[in-house]
Amino acid sequence: MKRNVLILLTALLLTGFPSCVERQDFDQYDALAVTPTVEASLLYIEAPERVINQISGTDFVQQIFNFDAFAEDFVSENLLDGVVRYQVENTTSKPLELTFELLDEGGNTLDTEAFSIDAAPTPLLVREIAYGPGGRSIDIIRNTSSIRVTARNLGDNTSTSSLPDPMVVLRSSAQFRIRLK
């Protein structure tokens, strides 16, 4: 009798178990979207006023920086949008003109961002440029191979700011969304 009850309970459990398990849907992977936001610093440049005063001529910075972040086809093709942020801080006695140029592999200018900054004291200048839907063409970022920075002294080479440790600081960073799947 015990044996019959045990067989009956086992049979009921085995037949009832599949009815409690949901059928697996492996097609969910196709609907999965993975789009992380990647943030990185692009450039950081400091130029003390004493160095600016030692340079003859007006350009105290003129440099090209390599930028191969989107050289890989997978990353370039899946780049959705992004924002480049520029910050300029001037505590020198000099009015300045700064230019950031995004260049392609051939050295051609794809985009330019120019800044005119008064002599100190000036507030921190922040500018954000959007690329992608609602902003400038995302192809500018996809095709950028280097960044040229030019900083021009529009003042003299003798004045000195009364602020401690006077310098110009240029910073840039970026946030990009990339579709991984």
N, C-alpha and C. Protein backbone atom coordinates (compact mmCIF):
# COMPACT_ATOMS: atom_id res chain seq x y z
N MET A 1 0.82 -1.19 0.00
CA MET A 1 0.00 0.00 0.00
C MET A 1 0.87 1.26 0.00
N LYS A 2 1.88 1.26 0.89
CA LYS A 2 2.78 2.40 0.92
C LYS A 2 3.50 2.55 -0.41
N ARG A 3 3.82 1.40 -0.96
CA ARG A 3 4.53 1.44 -2.21
C ARG A 3 3.65 2.01 -3.32
N ASN A 4 2.39 1.68 -3.36
CA ASN A 4 1.45 2.20 -4.36
C ASN A 4 1.26 3.71 -4.19
N VAL A 5 1.20 4.17 -2.98
CA VAL A 5 1.04 5.61 -2.70
C VAL A 5 2.30 6.35 -3.14
N LEU A 6 3.44 5.78 -2.85
CA LEU A 6 4.70 6.40 -3.25
C LEU A 6 4.82 6.48 -4.77
N ILE A 7 4.41 5.43 -5.47
CA ILE A 7 4.43 5.43 -6.94
C ILE A 7 3.46 6.46 -7.48
N LEU A 8 2.28 6.57 -6.88
CA LEU A 8 1.27 7.53 -7.30
C LEU A 8 1.75 8.97 -7.09
N LEU A 9 2.36 9.25 -5.95
CA LEU A 9 2.88 10.59 -5.67
C LEU A 9 4.02 10.95 -6.63
N THR A 10 4.89 10.00 -6.89
CA THR A 10 5.99 10.22 -7.83
C THR A 10 5.44 10.50 -9.23
N ALA A 11 4.45 9.75 -9.66
CA ALA A 11 3.85 9.94 -10.98
C ALA A 11 3.19 11.31 -11.07
N LEU A 12 2.50 11.73 -10.02
CA LEU A 12 1.86 13.05 -10.01
C LEU A 12 2.89 14.18 -10.07
N LEU A 13 3.96 14.03 -9.31
CA LEU A 13 5.02 15.05 -9.33
C LEU A 13 5.67 15.13 -10.70
N LEU A 14 5.97 14.02 -11.30
CA LEU A 14 6.63 14.02 -12.60
C LEU A 14 5.73 14.57 -13.70
N THR A 15 4.45 14.32 -13.64
CA THR A 15 3.55 14.86 -14.66
C THR A 15 3.22 16.32 -14.38
N GLY A 16 3.23 16.72 -13.13
CA GLY A 16 2.90 18.11 -12.80
C GLY A 16 4.09 19.06 -12.94
N PHE A 17 5.32 18.54 -12.85
CA PHE A 17 6.51 19.37 -12.92
C PHE A 17 6.63 20.16 -14.23
N PRO A 18 6.47 19.55 -15.40
CA PRO A 18 6.59 20.31 -16.65
C PRO A 18 5.55 21.40 -16.79
N SER A 19 4.41 21.26 -16.16
CA SER A 19 3.39 22.30 -16.28
C SER A 19 3.76 23.55 -15.50
N CYS A 20 4.72 23.47 -14.57
CA CYS A 20 5.16 24.62 -13.77
C CYS A 20 6.34 25.33 -14.40
N VAL A 21 6.92 24.79 -15.44
CA VAL A 21 8.11 25.37 -16.07
C VAL A 21 7.68 26.12 -17.32
N GLU A 22 8.13 27.37 -17.41
CA GLU A 22 7.81 28.20 -18.57
C GLU A 22 8.75 27.84 -19.72
N ARG A 23 8.20 27.86 -20.91
CA ARG A 23 9.01 27.57 -22.10
C ARG A 23 10.05 28.67 -22.27
N GLN A 24 11.29 28.28 -22.55
CA GLN A 24 12.38 29.24 -22.71
C GLN A 24 12.27 29.96 -24.05
N ASP A 25 12.50 31.28 -24.02
CA ASP A 25 12.46 32.10 -25.23
C ASP A 25 13.88 32.57 -25.53
N PHE A 26 14.56 31.89 -26.42
CA PHE A 26 15.93 32.23 -26.75
C PHE A 26 16.01 33.34 -27.80
N ASP A 27 14.88 33.82 -28.29
CA ASP A 27 14.85 34.92 -29.24
C ASP A 27 15.01 36.27 -28.55
N GLN A 28 15.02 36.29 -27.22
CA GLN A 28 15.19 37.55 -26.49
C GLN A 28 16.54 38.20 -26.81
N TYR A 29 17.53 37.41 -27.13
CA TYR A 29 18.85 37.94 -27.46
C TYR A 29 18.78 38.91 -28.63
N ASP A 30 17.92 38.61 -29.60
CA ASP A 30 17.79 39.47 -30.78
C ASP A 30 17.24 40.85 -30.41
N ALA A 31 16.44 40.93 -29.37
CA ALA A 31 15.84 42.20 -28.96
C ALA A 31 16.73 42.97 -27.99
N LEU A 32 17.84 42.39 -27.57
CA LEU A 32 18.74 43.01 -26.61
C LEU A 32 19.50 44.16 -27.26
N ALA A 33 19.56 45.31 -26.59
CA ALA A 33 20.32 46.46 -27.08
C ALA A 33 21.33 46.86 -26.01
N VAL A 34 22.60 46.91 -26.38
CA VAL A 34 23.66 47.29 -25.46
C VAL A 34 24.32 48.54 -26.01
N THR A 35 24.10 49.68 -25.35
CA THR A 35 24.66 50.96 -25.81
C THR A 35 25.27 51.70 -24.62
N PRO A 36 26.50 51.37 -24.26
CA PRO A 36 27.14 52.06 -23.15
C PRO A 36 27.56 53.48 -23.54
N THR A 37 27.67 54.32 -22.53
CA THR A 37 28.23 55.66 -22.71
C THR A 37 29.67 55.62 -22.22
N VAL A 38 30.58 56.00 -23.09
CA VAL A 38 32.00 55.98 -22.78
C VAL A 38 32.47 57.42 -22.63
N GLU A 39 33.16 57.70 -21.52
CA GLU A 39 33.65 59.06 -21.28
C GLU A 39 35.16 59.02 -21.14
N ALA A 40 35.82 60.02 -21.74
CA ALA A 40 37.28 60.06 -21.68
C ALA A 40 37.77 61.49 -21.80
N SER A 41 38.93 61.72 -21.24
CA SER A 41 39.61 63.00 -21.39
C SER A 41 40.29 63.01 -22.75
N LEU A 42 40.21 64.13 -23.46
CA LEU A 42 40.87 64.23 -24.76
C LEU A 42 42.21 64.96 -24.65
N LEU A 43 42.18 66.18 -24.12
CA LEU A 43 43.39 67.00 -24.03
C LEU A 43 43.46 67.74 -22.71
N TYR A 44 44.67 67.98 -22.26
CA TYR A 44 44.91 68.84 -21.10
C TYR A 44 46.22 69.57 -21.37
N ILE A 45 46.16 70.90 -21.43
CA ILE A 45 47.34 71.70 -21.72
C ILE A 45 47.39 72.85 -20.72
N GLU A 46 48.57 73.08 -20.13
CA GLU A 46 48.81 74.23 -19.26
C GLU A 46 49.91 75.06 -19.87
N ALA A 47 49.73 76.39 -19.85
CA ALA A 47 50.78 77.29 -20.31
C ALA A 47 50.93 78.42 -19.30
N PRO A 48 51.98 78.38 -18.46
CA PRO A 48 52.20 79.44 -17.49
C PRO A 48 52.49 80.78 -18.19
N GLU A 49 52.09 81.86 -17.54
CA GLU A 49 52.28 83.19 -18.14
C GLU A 49 53.75 83.50 -18.38
N ARG A 50 54.65 83.06 -17.50
CA ARG A 50 56.09 83.32 -17.69
C ARG A 50 56.59 82.69 -18.99
N VAL A 51 56.04 81.51 -19.36
CA VAL A 51 56.42 80.85 -20.62
C VAL A 51 55.84 81.63 -21.80
N ILE A 52 54.60 82.07 -21.67
CA ILE A 52 53.98 82.86 -22.75
C ILE A 52 54.80 84.12 -23.01
N ASN A 53 55.29 84.77 -21.94
CA ASN A 53 56.11 85.98 -22.08
C ASN A 53 57.45 85.71 -22.76
N GLN A 54 57.97 84.50 -22.66
CA GLN A 54 59.27 84.17 -23.26
C GLN A 54 59.18 83.86 -24.76
N ILE A 55 57.98 83.59 -25.25
CA ILE A 55 57.82 83.18 -26.64
C ILE A 55 57.62 84.41 -27.51
N SER A 56 58.48 84.56 -28.52
CA SER A 56 58.30 85.67 -29.44
C SER A 56 57.24 85.28 -30.46
N GLY A 57 56.50 86.24 -30.94
CA GLY A 57 55.39 85.96 -31.84
C GLY A 57 54.12 85.77 -31.03
N THR A 58 53.04 85.49 -31.72
CA THR A 58 51.76 85.44 -31.03
C THR A 58 51.32 84.03 -30.66
N ASP A 59 51.71 83.00 -31.44
CA ASP A 59 51.29 81.62 -31.14
C ASP A 59 52.19 81.01 -30.08
N PHE A 60 51.64 80.75 -28.90
CA PHE A 60 52.44 80.12 -27.86
C PHE A 60 52.15 78.62 -27.75
N VAL A 61 51.10 78.15 -28.39
CA VAL A 61 50.83 76.72 -28.52
C VAL A 61 50.38 76.48 -29.95
N GLN A 62 51.01 75.56 -30.61
CA GLN A 62 50.54 75.07 -31.90
C GLN A 62 51.02 73.64 -32.00
N GLN A 63 50.08 72.72 -31.75
CA GLN A 63 50.44 71.32 -31.66
C GLN A 63 49.33 70.45 -32.21
N ILE A 64 49.72 69.34 -32.80
CA ILE A 64 48.76 68.35 -33.31
C ILE A 64 48.86 67.11 -32.43
N PHE A 65 47.71 66.64 -31.96
CA PHE A 65 47.62 65.47 -31.10
C PHE A 65 46.95 64.34 -31.88
N ASN A 66 47.53 63.15 -31.81
CA ASN A 66 46.95 61.98 -32.46
C ASN A 66 45.64 61.59 -31.77
N PHE A 67 44.64 61.20 -32.55
CA PHE A 67 43.34 60.79 -32.00
C PHE A 67 42.82 59.63 -32.83
N ASP A 68 43.14 58.42 -32.41
CA ASP A 68 42.72 57.23 -33.15
C ASP A 68 41.63 56.45 -32.44
N ALA A 69 40.81 57.11 -31.66
CA ALA A 69 39.77 56.44 -30.88
C ALA A 69 38.79 55.68 -31.77
N PHE A 70 38.54 56.16 -32.97
CA PHE A 70 37.54 55.53 -33.84
C PHE A 70 38.18 54.91 -35.07
N ALA A 71 39.44 54.52 -34.96
CA ALA A 71 40.15 53.90 -36.08
C ALA A 71 39.62 52.49 -36.37
N GLU A 72 39.13 51.81 -35.35
CA GLU A 72 38.57 50.47 -35.53
C GLU A 72 37.20 50.58 -36.21
N ASP A 73 36.98 49.82 -37.26
CA ASP A 73 35.73 49.88 -38.01
C ASP A 73 34.51 49.59 -37.13
N PHE A 74 34.61 48.59 -36.24
CA PHE A 74 33.47 48.23 -35.40
C PHE A 74 33.02 49.43 -34.57
N VAL A 75 33.97 50.13 -33.96
CA VAL A 75 33.64 51.28 -33.11
C VAL A 75 33.09 52.41 -33.96
N SER A 76 33.75 52.72 -35.05
CA SER A 76 33.32 53.82 -35.92
C SER A 76 31.91 53.59 -36.48
N GLU A 77 31.65 52.38 -36.93
CA GLU A 77 30.34 52.08 -37.54
C GLU A 77 29.21 52.05 -36.53
N ASN A 78 29.52 51.80 -35.26
CA ASN A 78 28.48 51.70 -34.23
C ASN A 78 28.41 52.91 -33.32
N LEU A 79 29.12 53.97 -33.65
CA LEU A 79 29.07 55.21 -32.89
C LEU A 79 27.72 55.89 -33.14
N LEU A 80 26.96 56.13 -32.07
CA LEU A 80 25.62 56.70 -32.21
C LEU A 80 25.62 58.22 -32.10
N ASP A 81 26.22 58.74 -31.04
CA ASP A 81 26.26 60.18 -30.82
C ASP A 81 27.29 60.49 -29.76
N GLY A 82 27.52 61.77 -29.55
CA GLY A 82 28.51 62.16 -28.55
C GLY A 82 28.49 63.64 -28.28
N VAL A 83 29.19 64.01 -27.22
CA VAL A 83 29.34 65.41 -26.83
C VAL A 83 30.81 65.64 -26.49
N VAL A 84 31.39 66.68 -27.09
CA VAL A 84 32.75 67.09 -26.76
C VAL A 84 32.64 68.34 -25.91
N ARG A 85 33.33 68.32 -24.77
CA ARG A 85 33.28 69.45 -23.84
C ARG A 85 34.65 70.12 -23.79
N TYR A 86 34.66 71.43 -23.95
CA TYR A 86 35.87 72.23 -23.86
C TYR A 86 35.78 73.10 -22.62
N GLN A 87 36.89 73.24 -21.90
CA GLN A 87 36.99 74.14 -20.76
C GLN A 87 38.26 74.97 -20.92
N VAL A 88 38.12 76.28 -20.75
CA VAL A 88 39.27 77.16 -20.86
C VAL A 88 39.29 78.06 -19.62
N GLU A 89 40.44 78.09 -18.98
CA GLU A 89 40.63 78.91 -17.78
C GLU A 89 41.84 79.81 -18.02
N ASN A 90 41.65 81.12 -17.88
CA ASN A 90 42.73 82.07 -18.12
C ASN A 90 42.92 82.94 -16.88
N THR A 91 44.07 82.78 -16.23
CA THR A 91 44.40 83.65 -15.09
C THR A 91 45.59 84.53 -15.43
N THR A 92 45.91 84.66 -16.73
CA THR A 92 47.01 85.51 -17.17
C THR A 92 46.51 86.93 -17.44
N SER A 93 47.45 87.82 -17.68
CA SER A 93 47.12 89.22 -18.01
C SER A 93 46.90 89.40 -19.51
N LYS A 94 46.78 88.30 -20.23
CA LYS A 94 46.72 88.36 -21.69
C LYS A 94 45.35 87.98 -22.23
N PRO A 95 44.84 88.76 -23.17
CA PRO A 95 43.68 88.30 -23.93
C PRO A 95 44.18 87.21 -24.90
N LEU A 96 43.37 86.16 -25.09
CA LEU A 96 43.83 85.01 -25.86
C LEU A 96 42.80 84.60 -26.91
N GLU A 97 43.29 83.94 -27.93
CA GLU A 97 42.45 83.32 -28.93
C GLU A 97 42.89 81.86 -29.05
N LEU A 98 41.94 80.95 -28.88
CA LEU A 98 42.25 79.52 -28.92
C LEU A 98 41.42 78.86 -30.01
N THR A 99 42.03 77.92 -30.71
CA THR A 99 41.33 77.21 -31.77
C THR A 99 41.60 75.71 -31.63
N PHE A 100 40.53 74.92 -31.65
CA PHE A 100 40.61 73.46 -31.67
C PHE A 100 40.10 73.02 -33.04
N GLU A 101 40.91 72.25 -33.76
CA GLU A 101 40.51 71.75 -35.07
C GLU A 101 40.53 70.23 -35.07
N LEU A 102 39.46 69.62 -35.51
CA LEU A 102 39.40 68.17 -35.69
C LEU A 102 39.81 67.88 -37.12
N LEU A 103 40.84 67.03 -37.29
CA LEU A 103 41.43 66.78 -38.60
C LEU A 103 41.24 65.33 -39.01
N ASP A 104 41.08 65.10 -40.33
CA ASP A 104 41.02 63.73 -40.84
C ASP A 104 42.44 63.22 -41.09
N GLU A 105 42.57 62.00 -41.63
CA GLU A 105 43.88 61.39 -41.87
C GLU A 105 44.77 62.22 -42.78
N GLY A 106 44.16 62.96 -43.70
CA GLY A 106 44.92 63.77 -44.64
C GLY A 106 45.28 65.15 -44.10
N GLY A 107 44.90 65.45 -42.85
CA GLY A 107 45.18 66.77 -42.27
C GLY A 107 44.16 67.82 -42.63
N ASN A 108 43.06 67.42 -43.25
CA ASN A 108 42.00 68.36 -43.61
C ASN A 108 41.13 68.65 -42.39
N THR A 109 40.72 69.89 -42.24
CA THR A 109 39.90 70.30 -41.12
C THR A 109 38.45 69.82 -41.31
N LEU A 110 37.95 69.06 -40.33
CA LEU A 110 36.58 68.58 -40.35
C LEU A 110 35.65 69.49 -39.54
N ASP A 111 36.18 70.06 -38.47
CA ASP A 111 35.39 70.92 -37.58
C ASP A 111 36.34 71.83 -36.82
N THR A 112 35.86 73.01 -36.49
CA THR A 112 36.67 74.00 -35.76
C THR A 112 35.85 74.60 -34.64
N GLU A 113 36.49 74.77 -33.51
CA GLU A 113 35.88 75.46 -32.37
C GLU A 113 36.87 76.53 -31.92
N ALA A 114 36.43 77.80 -31.96
CA ALA A 114 37.31 78.93 -31.62
C ALA A 114 36.80 79.64 -30.37
N PHE A 115 37.75 80.14 -29.58
CA PHE A 115 37.44 80.83 -28.33
C PHE A 115 38.21 82.14 -28.27
N SER A 116 37.54 83.21 -27.87
CA SER A 116 38.19 84.48 -27.56
C SER A 116 38.03 84.71 -26.07
N ILE A 117 39.14 84.87 -25.38
CA ILE A 117 39.12 84.99 -23.92
C ILE A 117 39.78 86.29 -23.51
N ASP A 118 39.11 87.01 -22.63
CA ASP A 118 39.68 88.24 -22.09
C ASP A 118 40.79 87.93 -21.11
N ALA A 119 41.57 88.97 -20.78
CA ALA A 119 42.60 88.83 -19.75
C ALA A 119 41.92 88.60 -18.40
N ALA A 120 42.66 88.01 -17.46
CA ALA A 120 42.11 87.71 -16.13
C ALA A 120 41.71 89.01 -15.42
N PRO A 121 40.75 88.95 -14.55
CA PRO A 121 40.03 87.76 -14.12
C PRO A 121 38.86 87.45 -15.07
N THR A 122 38.75 86.20 -15.43
CA THR A 122 37.65 85.75 -16.29
C THR A 122 37.06 84.48 -15.69
N PRO A 123 35.77 84.24 -15.92
CA PRO A 123 35.18 82.99 -15.42
C PRO A 123 35.64 81.82 -16.27
N LEU A 124 35.50 80.64 -15.73
CA LEU A 124 35.80 79.41 -16.47
C LEU A 124 34.87 79.34 -17.67
N LEU A 125 35.42 79.19 -18.85
CA LEU A 125 34.63 79.09 -20.07
C LEU A 125 34.40 77.62 -20.38
N VAL A 126 33.13 77.23 -20.52
CA VAL A 126 32.77 75.84 -20.82
C VAL A 126 31.86 75.85 -22.05
N ARG A 127 32.18 74.98 -23.00
CA ARG A 127 31.36 74.84 -24.20
C ARG A 127 31.21 73.37 -24.53
N GLU A 128 29.98 72.95 -24.80
CA GLU A 128 29.71 71.57 -25.19
C GLU A 128 29.18 71.53 -26.61
N ILE A 129 29.74 70.66 -27.42
CA ILE A 129 29.35 70.50 -28.82
C ILE A 129 28.80 69.09 -29.01
N ALA A 130 27.55 69.00 -29.45
CA ALA A 130 26.90 67.71 -29.67
C ALA A 130 27.15 67.24 -31.10
N TYR A 131 27.37 65.95 -31.25
CA TYR A 131 27.54 65.31 -32.55
C TYR A 131 26.54 64.17 -32.64
N GLY A 132 25.89 64.03 -33.78
CA GLY A 132 24.86 63.02 -33.95
C GLY A 132 23.51 63.69 -34.07
N PRO A 133 22.41 62.95 -33.90
CA PRO A 133 21.07 63.52 -34.05
C PRO A 133 20.89 64.78 -33.19
N GLY A 134 20.47 65.86 -33.83
CA GLY A 134 20.26 67.12 -33.12
C GLY A 134 21.52 67.96 -32.98
N GLY A 135 22.64 67.49 -33.46
CA GLY A 135 23.91 68.22 -33.35
C GLY A 135 24.62 68.22 -34.69
N ARG A 136 25.91 68.40 -34.64
CA ARG A 136 26.73 68.35 -35.85
C ARG A 136 26.84 66.91 -36.32
N SER A 137 27.26 66.74 -37.55
CA SER A 137 27.33 65.40 -38.16
C SER A 137 28.24 64.47 -37.35
N ILE A 138 27.75 63.27 -37.07
CA ILE A 138 28.54 62.27 -36.36
C ILE A 138 29.73 61.81 -37.20
N ASP A 139 29.66 62.01 -38.52
CA ASP A 139 30.77 61.64 -39.39
C ASP A 139 32.03 62.45 -39.09
N ILE A 140 31.87 63.64 -38.52
CA ILE A 140 33.03 64.44 -38.12
C ILE A 140 33.85 63.66 -37.10
N ILE A 141 33.19 63.13 -36.09
CA ILE A 141 33.89 62.37 -35.05
C ILE A 141 34.42 61.05 -35.60
N ARG A 142 33.61 60.38 -36.42
CA ARG A 142 34.03 59.10 -36.99
C ARG A 142 35.32 59.22 -37.80
N ASN A 143 35.49 60.36 -38.45
CA ASN A 143 36.63 60.54 -39.35
C ASN A 143 37.78 61.34 -38.74
N THR A 144 37.66 61.73 -37.47
CA THR A 144 38.73 62.50 -36.83
C THR A 144 39.92 61.59 -36.54
N SER A 145 41.10 62.02 -36.99
CA SER A 145 42.33 61.28 -36.80
C SER A 145 43.30 62.02 -35.88
N SER A 146 43.15 63.35 -35.81
CA SER A 146 44.02 64.15 -34.94
C SER A 146 43.32 65.47 -34.58
N ILE A 147 43.86 66.11 -33.57
CA ILE A 147 43.32 67.38 -33.08
C ILE A 147 44.45 68.39 -33.08
N ARG A 148 44.23 69.52 -33.74
CA ARG A 148 45.22 70.60 -33.74
C ARG A 148 44.75 71.69 -32.79
N VAL A 149 45.64 72.11 -31.89
CA VAL A 149 45.34 73.17 -30.94
C VAL A 149 46.28 74.33 -31.21
N THR A 150 45.70 75.51 -31.35
CA THR A 150 46.49 76.73 -31.53
C THR A 150 46.04 77.72 -30.47
N ALA A 151 47.00 78.28 -29.75
CA ALA A 151 46.71 79.31 -28.75
C ALA A 151 47.52 80.55 -29.11
N ARG A 152 46.84 81.67 -29.20
CA ARG A 152 47.45 82.92 -29.66
C ARG A 152 47.34 83.98 -28.56
N ASN A 153 48.46 84.63 -28.29
CA ASN A 153 48.52 85.73 -27.33
C ASN A 153 48.14 87.01 -28.07
N LEU A 154 47.03 87.62 -27.69
CA LEU A 154 46.59 88.87 -28.33
C LEU A 154 47.09 90.09 -27.56
N GLY A 155 47.84 89.85 -26.49
CA GLY A 155 48.38 90.94 -25.67
C GLY A 155 49.87 91.11 -25.93
N ASP A 156 50.57 91.53 -24.88
CA ASP A 156 52.02 91.76 -25.00
C ASP A 156 52.80 90.61 -24.39
N ASN A 157 54.13 90.74 -24.39
CA ASN A 157 54.99 89.71 -23.82
C ASN A 157 55.72 90.20 -22.57
N THR A 158 55.15 91.22 -21.92
CA THR A 158 55.83 91.76 -20.74
C THR A 158 54.94 91.80 -19.51
N SER A 159 53.64 91.94 -19.68
CA SER A 159 52.75 92.08 -18.52
C SER A 159 52.69 90.79 -17.72
N THR A 160 52.38 90.92 -16.44
CA THR A 160 52.25 89.77 -15.56
C THR A 160 51.02 89.95 -14.69
N SER A 161 50.24 88.93 -14.59
CA SER A 161 49.02 88.96 -13.78
C SER A 161 49.37 89.06 -12.30
N SER A 162 48.50 89.71 -11.54
CA SER A 162 48.70 89.80 -10.09
C SER A 162 48.15 88.56 -9.37
N LEU A 163 47.49 87.67 -10.10
CA LEU A 163 46.96 86.44 -9.50
C LEU A 163 48.10 85.45 -9.27
N PRO A 164 47.99 84.60 -8.25
CA PRO A 164 49.05 83.62 -8.00
C PRO A 164 49.11 82.57 -9.11
N ASP A 165 50.34 82.24 -9.52
CA ASP A 165 50.58 81.20 -10.52
C ASP A 165 49.72 81.38 -11.78
N PRO A 166 49.82 82.52 -12.45
CA PRO A 166 48.97 82.77 -13.62
C PRO A 166 49.31 81.83 -14.79
N MET A 167 48.26 81.29 -15.40
CA MET A 167 48.44 80.39 -16.55
C MET A 167 47.12 80.26 -17.30
N VAL A 168 47.21 79.71 -18.48
CA VAL A 168 46.02 79.34 -19.23
C VAL A 168 45.96 77.81 -19.22
N VAL A 169 44.76 77.28 -18.94
CA VAL A 169 44.55 75.83 -18.89
C VAL A 169 43.47 75.48 -19.90
N LEU A 170 43.78 74.54 -20.79
CA LEU A 170 42.85 74.06 -21.80
C LEU A 170 42.54 72.61 -21.49
N ARG A 171 41.27 72.30 -21.37
CA ARG A 171 40.84 70.91 -21.10
C ARG A 171 39.76 70.54 -22.12
N SER A 172 39.76 69.29 -22.50
CA SER A 172 38.65 68.79 -23.30
C SER A 172 38.40 67.34 -22.93
N SER A 173 37.13 66.98 -22.96
CA SER A 173 36.72 65.61 -22.69
C SER A 173 35.55 65.29 -23.61
N ALA A 174 35.17 64.03 -23.64
CA ALA A 174 34.08 63.62 -24.53
C ALA A 174 33.30 62.47 -23.93
N GLN A 175 32.04 62.42 -24.28
CA GLN A 175 31.16 61.29 -23.96
C GLN A 175 30.57 60.79 -25.27
N PHE A 176 30.65 59.49 -25.49
CA PHE A 176 30.12 58.90 -26.70
C PHE A 176 29.26 57.69 -26.36
N ARG A 177 28.18 57.50 -27.13
CA ARG A 177 27.37 56.29 -27.01
C ARG A 177 27.69 55.39 -28.20
N ILE A 178 28.01 54.14 -27.88
CA ILE A 178 28.39 53.17 -28.90
C ILE A 178 27.48 51.96 -28.78
N ARG A 179 26.89 51.56 -29.90
CA ARG A 179 26.01 50.37 -29.91
C ARG A 179 26.90 49.14 -30.04
N LEU A 180 26.89 48.32 -28.99
CA LEU A 180 27.69 47.09 -29.01
C LEU A 180 26.92 45.91 -29.57
N LYS A 181 25.62 45.95 -29.43
CA LYS A 181 24.75 44.89 -29.96
C LYS A 181 23.43 45.48 -30.34
